[in-house]
Amino acid sequence: MSVTEVERSAAQRGWDAVRELPPSAKLVAKVLEYNDRLTQSQLASETLLPPRTVRYALTRLEEVGVVDSRIAFSDARKRVYTLTIE
């Protein structure tokens, strides 16, 4: 199996995990797919979901290992979220 096939296989497993999640988590994952990295408030703005729903979606996405979070350089009180599957 080539490196590209392995990467594609890993990405497919990631999207398979997302497929089992609630619609809000799927929406957040799709928004993160098209945006490099976003804060929770930016995700709420982009998805038009309430902040509490975005928090829940991010928690579920982190549980299945498809989202990574880091402290934002611009404001250490905030976290920046990125999608780990392509």
PDB file of N, CA and C in Angstrom:
ATOM      1  N   MET A   1       0.843  -1.177   0.000  1.00  0.00           N
ATOM      2  CA  MET A   1       0.000   0.000   0.000  1.00  0.00           C
ATOM      3  C   MET A   1       0.891   1.244   0.000  1.00  0.00           C
ATOM      4  N   SER A   2       0.603   2.204  -0.864  1.00  0.00           N
ATOM      5  CA  SER A   2       1.418   3.416  -0.931  1.00  0.00           C
ATOM      6  C   SER A   2       1.056   4.368   0.207  1.00  0.00           C
ATOM      7  N   VAL A   3       1.878   5.391   0.403  1.00  0.00           N
ATOM      8  CA  VAL A   3       1.636   6.376   1.463  1.00  0.00           C
ATOM      9  C   VAL A   3       0.313   7.087   1.232  1.00  0.00           C
ATOM     10  N   THR A   4       0.023   7.425  -0.003  1.00  0.00           N
ATOM     11  CA  THR A   4      -1.230   8.110  -0.329  1.00  0.00           C
ATOM     12  C   THR A   4      -2.433   7.238   0.010  1.00  0.00           C
ATOM     13  N   GLU A   5      -2.357   5.954  -0.291  1.00  0.00           N
ATOM     14  CA  GLU A   5      -3.458   5.038   0.028  1.00  0.00           C
ATOM     15  C   GLU A   5      -3.641   4.919   1.530  1.00  0.00           C
ATOM     16  N   VAL A   6      -2.560   4.903   2.283  1.00  0.00           N
ATOM     17  CA  VAL A   6      -2.639   4.827   3.747  1.00  0.00           C
ATOM     18  C   VAL A   6      -3.288   6.092   4.292  1.00  0.00           C
ATOM     19  N   GLU A   7      -2.858   7.259   3.781  1.00  0.00           N
ATOM     20  CA  GLU A   7      -3.458   8.524   4.224  1.00  0.00           C
ATOM     21  C   GLU A   7      -4.941   8.563   3.894  1.00  0.00           C
ATOM     22  N   ARG A   8      -5.308   8.137   2.710  1.00  0.00           N
ATOM     23  CA  ARG A   8      -6.710   8.134   2.297  1.00  0.00           C
ATOM     24  C   ARG A   8      -7.524   7.192   3.176  1.00  0.00           C
ATOM     25  N   SER A   9      -6.947   6.043   3.524  1.00  0.00           N
ATOM     26  CA  SER A   9      -7.621   5.081   4.387  1.00  0.00           C
ATOM     27  C   SER A   9      -7.834   5.656   5.789  1.00  0.00           C
ATOM     28  N   ALA A  10      -6.823   6.338   6.325  1.00  0.00           N
ATOM     29  CA  ALA A  10      -6.943   6.961   7.653  1.00  0.00           C
ATOM     30  C   ALA A  10      -7.990   8.064   7.631  1.00  0.00           C
ATOM     31  N   ALA A  11      -8.020   8.853   6.569  1.00  0.00           N
ATOM     32  CA  ALA A  11      -9.015   9.918   6.449  1.00  0.00           C
ATOM     33  C   ALA A  11     -10.415   9.329   6.386  1.00  0.00           C
ATOM     34  N   GLN A  12     -10.582   8.227   5.655  1.00  0.00           N
ATOM     35  CA  GLN A  12     -11.896   7.597   5.550  1.00  0.00           C
ATOM     36  C   GLN A  12     -12.374   7.094   6.904  1.00  0.00           C
ATOM     37  N   ARG A  13     -11.471   6.502   7.694  1.00  0.00           N
ATOM     38  CA  ARG A  13     -11.856   6.053   9.035  1.00  0.00           C
ATOM     39  C   ARG A  13     -12.298   7.240   9.885  1.00  0.00           C
ATOM     40  N   GLY A  14     -11.630   8.373   9.722  1.00  0.00           N
ATOM     41  CA  GLY A  14     -11.999   9.581  10.457  1.00  0.00           C
ATOM     42  C   GLY A  14     -13.390  10.046  10.096  1.00  0.00           C
ATOM     43  N   TRP A  15     -13.689  10.098   8.796  1.00  0.00           N
ATOM     44  CA  TRP A  15     -15.025  10.529   8.379  1.00  0.00           C
ATOM     45  C   TRP A  15     -16.080   9.491   8.750  1.00  0.00           C
ATOM     46  N   ASP A  16     -15.702   8.211   8.803  1.00  0.00           N
ATOM     47  CA  ASP A  16     -16.647   7.192   9.263  1.00  0.00           C
ATOM     48  C   ASP A  16     -17.045   7.450  10.711  1.00  0.00           C
ATOM     49  N   ALA A  17     -16.088   7.878  11.530  1.00  0.00           N
ATOM     50  CA  ALA A  17     -16.382   8.191  12.935  1.00  0.00           C
ATOM     51  C   ALA A  17     -17.294   9.405  13.024  1.00  0.00           C
ATOM     52  N   VAL A  18     -17.078  10.383  12.174  1.00  0.00           N
ATOM     53  CA  VAL A  18     -17.910  11.597  12.178  1.00  0.00           C
ATOM     54  C   VAL A  18     -19.334  11.259  11.747  1.00  0.00           C
ATOM     55  N   ARG A  19     -19.463  10.332  10.828  1.00  0.00           N
ATOM     56  CA  ARG A  19     -20.781   9.944  10.306  1.00  0.00           C
ATOM     57  C   ARG A  19     -21.723   9.471  11.419  1.00  0.00           C
ATOM     58  N   GLU A  20     -21.170   8.922  12.490  1.00  0.00           N
ATOM     59  CA  GLU A  20     -21.980   8.408  13.593  1.00  0.00           C
ATOM     60  C   GLU A  20     -22.371   9.480  14.610  1.00  0.00           C
ATOM     61  N   LEU A  21     -21.864  10.692  14.453  1.00  0.00           N
ATOM     62  CA  LEU A  21     -22.092  11.766  15.420  1.00  0.00           C
ATOM     63  C   LEU A  21     -23.350  12.568  15.088  1.00  0.00           C
ATOM     64  N   PRO A  22     -23.804  13.400  16.037  1.00  0.00           N
ATOM     65  CA  PRO A  22     -24.991  14.245  15.797  1.00  0.00           C
ATOM     66  C   PRO A  22     -24.754  15.244  14.653  1.00  0.00           C
ATOM     67  N   PRO A  23     -25.836  15.757  14.076  1.00  0.00           N
ATOM     68  CA  PRO A  23     -25.717  16.707  12.965  1.00  0.00           C
ATOM     69  C   PRO A  23     -24.881  17.940  13.303  1.00  0.00           C
ATOM     70  N   SER A  24     -24.962  18.421  14.519  1.00  0.00           N
ATOM     71  CA  SER A  24     -24.177  19.612  14.884  1.00  0.00           C
ATOM     72  C   SER A  24     -22.676  19.322  14.792  1.00  0.00           C
ATOM     73  N   ALA A  25     -22.252  18.142  15.198  1.00  0.00           N
ATOM     74  CA  ALA A  25     -20.839  17.770  15.122  1.00  0.00           C
ATOM     75  C   ALA A  25     -20.404  17.628  13.666  1.00  0.00           C
ATOM     76  N   LYS A  26     -21.273  17.101  12.825  1.00  0.00           N
ATOM     77  CA  LYS A  26     -20.956  16.980  11.400  1.00  0.00           C
ATOM     78  C   LYS A  26     -20.784  18.366  10.780  1.00  0.00           C
ATOM     79  N   LEU A  27     -21.658  19.304  11.148  1.00  0.00           N
ATOM     80  CA  LEU A  27     -21.574  20.657  10.622  1.00  0.00           C
ATOM     81  C   LEU A  27     -20.281  21.337  11.061  1.00  0.00           C
ATOM     82  N   VAL A  28     -19.943  21.210  12.325  1.00  0.00           N
ATOM     83  CA  VAL A  28     -18.701  21.796  12.832  1.00  0.00           C
ATOM     84  C   VAL A  28     -17.498  21.182  12.111  1.00  0.00           C
ATOM     85  N   ALA A  29     -17.505  19.877  11.896  1.00  0.00           N
ATOM     86  CA  ALA A  29     -16.404  19.216  11.188  1.00  0.00           C
ATOM     87  C   ALA A  29     -16.287  19.750   9.762  1.00  0.00           C
ATOM     88  N   LYS A  30     -17.395  19.928   9.078  1.00  0.00           N
ATOM     89  CA  LYS A  30     -17.366  20.437   7.704  1.00  0.00           C
ATOM     90  C   LYS A  30     -16.848  21.867   7.659  1.00  0.00           C
ATOM     91  N   VAL A  31     -17.261  22.701   8.610  1.00  0.00           N
ATOM     92  CA  VAL A  31     -16.773  24.082   8.654  1.00  0.00           C
ATOM     93  C   VAL A  31     -15.269  24.090   8.906  1.00  0.00           C
ATOM     94  N   LEU A  32     -14.799  23.228   9.791  1.00  0.00           N
ATOM     95  CA  LEU A  32     -13.359  23.138  10.045  1.00  0.00           C
ATOM     96  C   LEU A  32     -12.607  22.591   8.831  1.00  0.00           C
ATOM     97  N   GLU A  33     -13.273  21.772   8.035  1.00  0.00           N
ATOM     98  CA  GLU A  33     -12.633  21.247   6.831  1.00  0.00           C
ATOM     99  C   GLU A  33     -12.307  22.383   5.846  1.00  0.00           C
ATOM    100  N   TYR A  34     -13.175  23.378   5.783  1.00  0.00           N
ATOM    101  CA  TYR A  34     -12.993  24.483   4.840  1.00  0.00           C
ATOM    102  C   TYR A  34     -12.223  25.663   5.430  1.00  0.00           C
ATOM    103  N   ASN A  35     -12.026  25.673   6.742  1.00  0.00           N
ATOM    104  CA  ASN A  35     -11.270  26.728   7.416  1.00  0.00           C
ATOM    105  C   ASN A  35     -10.122  26.077   8.164  1.00  0.00           C
ATOM    106  N   ASP A  36      -8.968  26.653   8.062  1.00  0.00           N
ATOM    107  CA  ASP A  36      -7.771  26.050   8.641  1.00  0.00           C
ATOM    108  C   ASP A  36      -7.892  25.861  10.146  1.00  0.00           C
ATOM    109  N   ARG A  37      -8.189  26.931  10.862  1.00  0.00           N
ATOM    110  CA  ARG A  37      -8.358  26.840  12.317  1.00  0.00           C
ATOM    111  C   ARG A  37      -9.285  27.942  12.766  1.00  0.00           C
ATOM    112  N   LEU A  38     -10.170  27.594  13.710  1.00  0.00           N
ATOM    113  CA  LEU A  38     -11.149  28.544  14.217  1.00  0.00           C
ATOM    114  C   LEU A  38     -11.297  28.408  15.721  1.00  0.00           C
ATOM    115  N   THR A  39     -11.670  29.514  16.366  1.00  0.00           N
ATOM    116  CA  THR A  39     -11.998  29.473  17.790  1.00  0.00           C
ATOM    117  C   THR A  39     -13.449  29.018  17.929  1.00  0.00           C
ATOM    118  N   GLN A  40     -13.835  28.742  19.157  1.00  0.00           N
ATOM    119  CA  GLN A  40     -15.203  28.311  19.402  1.00  0.00           C
ATOM    120  C   GLN A  40     -16.202  29.401  19.007  1.00  0.00           C
ATOM    121  N   SER A  41     -15.897  30.657  19.307  1.00  0.00           N
ATOM    122  CA  SER A  41     -16.816  31.741  18.940  1.00  0.00           C
ATOM    123  C   SER A  41     -16.886  31.916  17.416  1.00  0.00           C
ATOM    124  N   GLN A  42     -15.775  31.731  16.727  1.00  0.00           N
ATOM    125  CA  GLN A  42     -15.795  31.797  15.270  1.00  0.00           C
ATOM    126  C   GLN A  42     -16.623  30.658  14.688  1.00  0.00           C
ATOM    127  N   LEU A  43     -16.511  29.473  15.285  1.00  0.00           N
ATOM    128  CA  LEU A  43     -17.328  28.337  14.832  1.00  0.00           C
ATOM    129  C   LEU A  43     -18.812  28.610  15.045  1.00  0.00           C
ATOM    130  N   ALA A  44     -19.160  29.191  16.182  1.00  0.00           N
ATOM    131  CA  ALA A  44     -20.561  29.519  16.449  1.00  0.00           C
ATOM    132  C   ALA A  44     -21.078  30.516  15.407  1.00  0.00           C
ATOM    133  N   SER A  45     -20.257  31.475  15.062  1.00  0.00           N
ATOM    134  CA  SER A  45     -20.642  32.471  14.063  1.00  0.00           C
ATOM    135  C   SER A  45     -20.793  31.846  12.677  1.00  0.00           C
ATOM    136  N   GLU A  46     -19.847  30.997  12.299  1.00  0.00           N
ATOM    137  CA  GLU A  46     -19.870  30.357  10.976  1.00  0.00           C
ATOM    138  C   GLU A  46     -21.024  29.366  10.820  1.00  0.00           C
ATOM    139  N   THR A  47     -21.327  28.618  11.875  1.00  0.00           N
ATOM    140  CA  THR A  47     -22.345  27.573  11.787  1.00  0.00           C
ATOM    141  C   THR A  47     -23.741  28.068  12.147  1.00  0.00           C
ATOM    142  N   LEU A  48     -23.811  29.242  12.787  1.00  0.00           N
ATOM    143  CA  LEU A  48     -25.066  29.788  13.304  1.00  0.00           C
ATOM    144  C   LEU A  48     -25.668  28.905  14.403  1.00  0.00           C
ATOM    145  N   LEU A  49     -24.820  28.107  15.048  1.00  0.00           N
ATOM    146  CA  LEU A  49     -25.250  27.276  16.168  1.00  0.00           C
ATOM    147  C   LEU A  49     -25.000  28.023  17.474  1.00  0.00           C
ATOM    148  N   PRO A  50     -25.798  27.734  18.512  1.00  0.00           N
ATOM    149  CA  PRO A  50     -25.538  28.341  19.821  1.00  0.00           C
ATOM    150  C   PRO A  50     -24.176  27.882  20.362  1.00  0.00           C
ATOM    151  N   PRO A  51     -23.502  28.733  21.133  1.00  0.00           N
ATOM    152  CA  PRO A  51     -22.189  28.364  21.692  1.00  0.00           C
ATOM    153  C   PRO A  51     -22.199  27.039  22.464  1.00  0.00           C
ATOM    154  N   ARG A  52     -23.256  26.777  23.197  1.00  0.00           N
ATOM    155  CA  ARG A  52     -23.343  25.522  23.958  1.00  0.00           C
ATOM    156  C   ARG A  52     -23.352  24.309  23.021  1.00  0.00           C
ATOM    157  N   THR A  53     -24.050  24.416  21.914  1.00  0.00           N
ATOM    158  CA  THR A  53     -24.107  23.324  20.940  1.00  0.00           C
ATOM    159  C   THR A  53     -22.739  23.122  20.285  1.00  0.00           C
ATOM    160  N   VAL A  54     -22.047  24.213  19.996  1.00  0.00           N
ATOM    161  CA  VAL A  54     -20.706  24.118  19.411  1.00  0.00           C
ATOM    162  C   VAL A  54     -19.760  23.439  20.399  1.00  0.00           C
ATOM    163  N   ARG A  55     -19.854  23.796  21.687  1.00  0.00           N
ATOM    164  CA  ARG A  55     -19.021  23.148  22.711  1.00  0.00           C
ATOM    165  C   ARG A  55     -19.269  21.645  22.737  1.00  0.00           C
ATOM    166  N   TYR A  56     -20.534  21.259  22.708  1.00  0.00           N
ATOM    167  CA  TYR A  56     -20.887  19.835  22.721  1.00  0.00           C
ATOM    168  C   TYR A  56     -20.336  19.133  21.472  1.00  0.00           C
ATOM    169  N   ALA A  57     -20.500  19.770  20.310  1.00  0.00           N
ATOM    170  CA  ALA A  57     -20.007  19.183  19.058  1.00  0.00           C
ATOM    171  C   ALA A  57     -18.495  19.006  19.099  1.00  0.00           C
ATOM    172  N   LEU A  58     -17.787  20.010  19.594  1.00  0.00           N
ATOM    173  CA  LEU A  58     -16.328  19.915  19.684  1.00  0.00           C
ATOM    174  C   LEU A  58     -15.899  18.810  20.640  1.00  0.00           C
ATOM    175  N   THR A  59     -16.613  18.677  21.746  1.00  0.00           N
ATOM    176  CA  THR A  59     -16.306  17.597  22.702  1.00  0.00           C
ATOM    177  C   THR A  59     -16.455  16.241  22.029  1.00  0.00           C
ATOM    178  N   ARG A  60     -17.549  16.053  21.307  1.00  0.00           N
ATOM    179  CA  ARG A  60     -17.773  14.774  20.623  1.00  0.00           C
ATOM    180  C   ARG A  60     -16.712  14.528  19.549  1.00  0.00           C
ATOM    181  N   LEU A  61     -16.347  15.555  18.804  1.00  0.00           N
ATOM    182  CA  LEU A  61     -15.323  15.410  17.766  1.00  0.00           C
ATOM    183  C   LEU A  61     -13.959  15.094  18.373  1.00  0.00           C
ATOM    184  N   GLU A  62     -13.648  15.684  19.507  1.00  0.00           N
ATOM    185  CA  GLU A  62     -12.384  15.374  20.184  1.00  0.00           C
ATOM    186  C   GLU A  62     -12.390  13.946  20.719  1.00  0.00           C
ATOM    187  N   GLU A  63     -13.550  13.469  21.187  1.00  0.00           N
ATOM    188  CA  GLU A  63     -13.655  12.104  21.706  1.00  0.00           C
ATOM    189  C   GLU A  63     -13.320  11.067  20.641  1.00  0.00           C
ATOM    190  N   VAL A  64     -13.714  11.316  19.394  1.00  0.00           N
ATOM    191  CA  VAL A  64     -13.428  10.355  18.320  1.00  0.00           C
ATOM    192  C   VAL A  64     -12.100  10.646  17.635  1.00  0.00           C
ATOM    193  N   GLY A  65     -11.405  11.690  18.092  1.00  0.00           N
ATOM    194  CA  GLY A  65     -10.051  11.955  17.622  1.00  0.00           C
ATOM    195  C   GLY A  65      -9.918  12.614  16.267  1.00  0.00           C
ATOM    196  N   VAL A  66     -10.897  13.414  15.864  1.00  0.00           N
ATOM    197  CA  VAL A  66     -10.803  14.065  14.559  1.00  0.00           C
ATOM    198  C   VAL A  66     -10.570  15.575  14.657  1.00  0.00           C
ATOM    199  N   VAL A  67     -10.561  16.096  15.885  1.00  0.00           N
ATOM    200  CA  VAL A  67     -10.318  17.523  16.098  1.00  0.00           C
ATOM    201  C   VAL A  67      -9.208  17.688  17.124  1.00  0.00           C
ATOM    202  N   ASP A  68      -8.339  18.648  16.850  1.00  0.00           N
ATOM    203  CA  ASP A  68      -7.247  18.975  17.764  1.00  0.00           C
ATOM    204  C   ASP A  68      -7.453  20.404  18.239  1.00  0.00           C
ATOM    205  N   SER A  69      -7.141  20.668  19.501  1.00  0.00           N
ATOM    206  CA  SER A  69      -7.268  22.034  20.017  1.00  0.00           C
ATOM    207  C   SER A  69      -5.949  22.480  20.633  1.00  0.00           C
ATOM    208  N   ARG A  70      -5.676  23.760  20.467  1.00  0.00           N
ATOM    209  CA  ARG A  70      -4.470  24.374  21.015  1.00  0.00           C
ATOM    210  C   ARG A  70      -4.822  25.753  21.541  1.00  0.00           C
ATOM    211  N   ILE A  71      -3.979  26.266  22.398  1.00  0.00           N
ATOM    212  CA  ILE A  71      -4.184  27.612  22.920  1.00  0.00           C
ATOM    213  C   ILE A  71      -3.895  28.610  21.799  1.00  0.00           C
ATOM    214  N   ALA A  72      -4.774  29.609  21.673  1.00  0.00           N
ATOM    215  CA  ALA A  72      -4.589  30.636  20.642  1.00  0.00           C
ATOM    216  C   ALA A  72      -3.439  31.556  21.018  1.00  0.00           C
ATOM    217  N   PHE A  73      -2.570  31.844  20.068  1.00  0.00           N
ATOM    218  CA  PHE A  73      -1.442  32.731  20.327  1.00  0.00           C
ATOM    219  C   PHE A  73      -1.903  34.158  20.594  1.00  0.00           C
ATOM    220  N   SER A  74      -2.965  34.573  19.918  1.00  0.00           N
ATOM    221  CA  SER A  74      -3.434  35.948  20.051  1.00  0.00           C
ATOM    222  C   SER A  74      -4.129  36.208  21.384  1.00  0.00           C
ATOM    223  N   ASP A  75      -4.711  35.171  21.979  1.00  0.00           N
ATOM    224  CA  ASP A  75      -5.413  35.312  23.258  1.00  0.00           C
ATOM    225  C   ASP A  75      -5.353  33.975  23.986  1.00  0.00           C
ATOM    226  N   ALA A  76      -4.538  33.893  25.015  1.00  0.00           N
ATOM    227  CA  ALA A  76      -4.305  32.625  25.715  1.00  0.00           C
ATOM    228  C   ALA A  76      -5.550  32.100  26.426  1.00  0.00           C
ATOM    229  N   ARG A  77      -6.591  32.917  26.523  1.00  0.00           N
ATOM    230  CA  ARG A  77      -7.843  32.450  27.143  1.00  0.00           C
ATOM    231  C   ARG A  77      -8.676  31.618  26.177  1.00  0.00           C
ATOM    232  N   LYS A  78      -8.351  31.672  24.909  1.00  0.00           N
ATOM    233  CA  LYS A  78      -9.131  30.973  23.882  1.00  0.00           C
ATOM    234  C   LYS A  78      -8.363  29.774  23.346  1.00  0.00           C
ATOM    235  N   ARG A  79      -9.114  28.850  22.763  1.00  0.00           N
ATOM    236  CA  ARG A  79      -8.529  27.683  22.108  1.00  0.00           C
ATOM    237  C   ARG A  79      -8.849  27.758  20.621  1.00  0.00           C
ATOM    238  N   VAL A  80      -7.941  27.235  19.815  1.00  0.00           N
ATOM    239  CA  VAL A  80      -8.118  27.182  18.367  1.00  0.00           C
ATOM    240  C   VAL A  80      -8.288  25.719  17.988  1.00  0.00           C
ATOM    241  N   TYR A  81      -9.279  25.437  17.171  1.00  0.00           N
ATOM    242  CA  TYR A  81      -9.601  24.061  16.786  1.00  0.00           C
ATOM    243  C   TYR A  81      -9.262  23.817  15.327  1.00  0.00           C
ATOM    244  N   THR A  82      -8.702  22.636  15.061  1.00  0.00           N
ATOM    245  CA  THR A  82      -8.377  22.227  13.692  1.00  0.00           C
ATOM    246  C   THR A  82      -8.858  20.805  13.476  1.00  0.00           C
ATOM    247  N   LEU A  83      -9.210  20.503  12.239  1.00  0.00           N
ATOM    248  CA  LEU A  83      -9.619  19.159  11.851  1.00  0.00           C
ATOM    249  C   LEU A  83      -8.374  18.343  11.563  1.00  0.00           C
ATOM    250  N   THR A  84      -8.303  17.131  12.092  1.00  0.00           N
ATOM    251  CA  THR A  84      -7.105  16.303  11.911  1.00  0.00           C
ATOM    252  C   THR A  84      -7.243  15.296  10.776  1.00  0.00           C
ATOM    253  N   ILE A  85      -8.392  15.277  10.112  1.00  0.00           N
ATOM    254  CA  ILE A  85      -8.573  14.412   8.948  1.00  0.00           C
ATOM    255  C   ILE A  85      -8.706  15.296   7.711  1.00  0.00           C
ATOM    256  N   GLU A  86      -8.370  14.733   6.571  1.00  0.00           N
ATOM    257  CA  GLU A  86      -8.451  15.517   5.327  1.00  0.00           C
ATOM    258  C   GLU A  86      -9.441  14.914   4.378  1.00  0.00           C
TER     259      GLU A  86
END
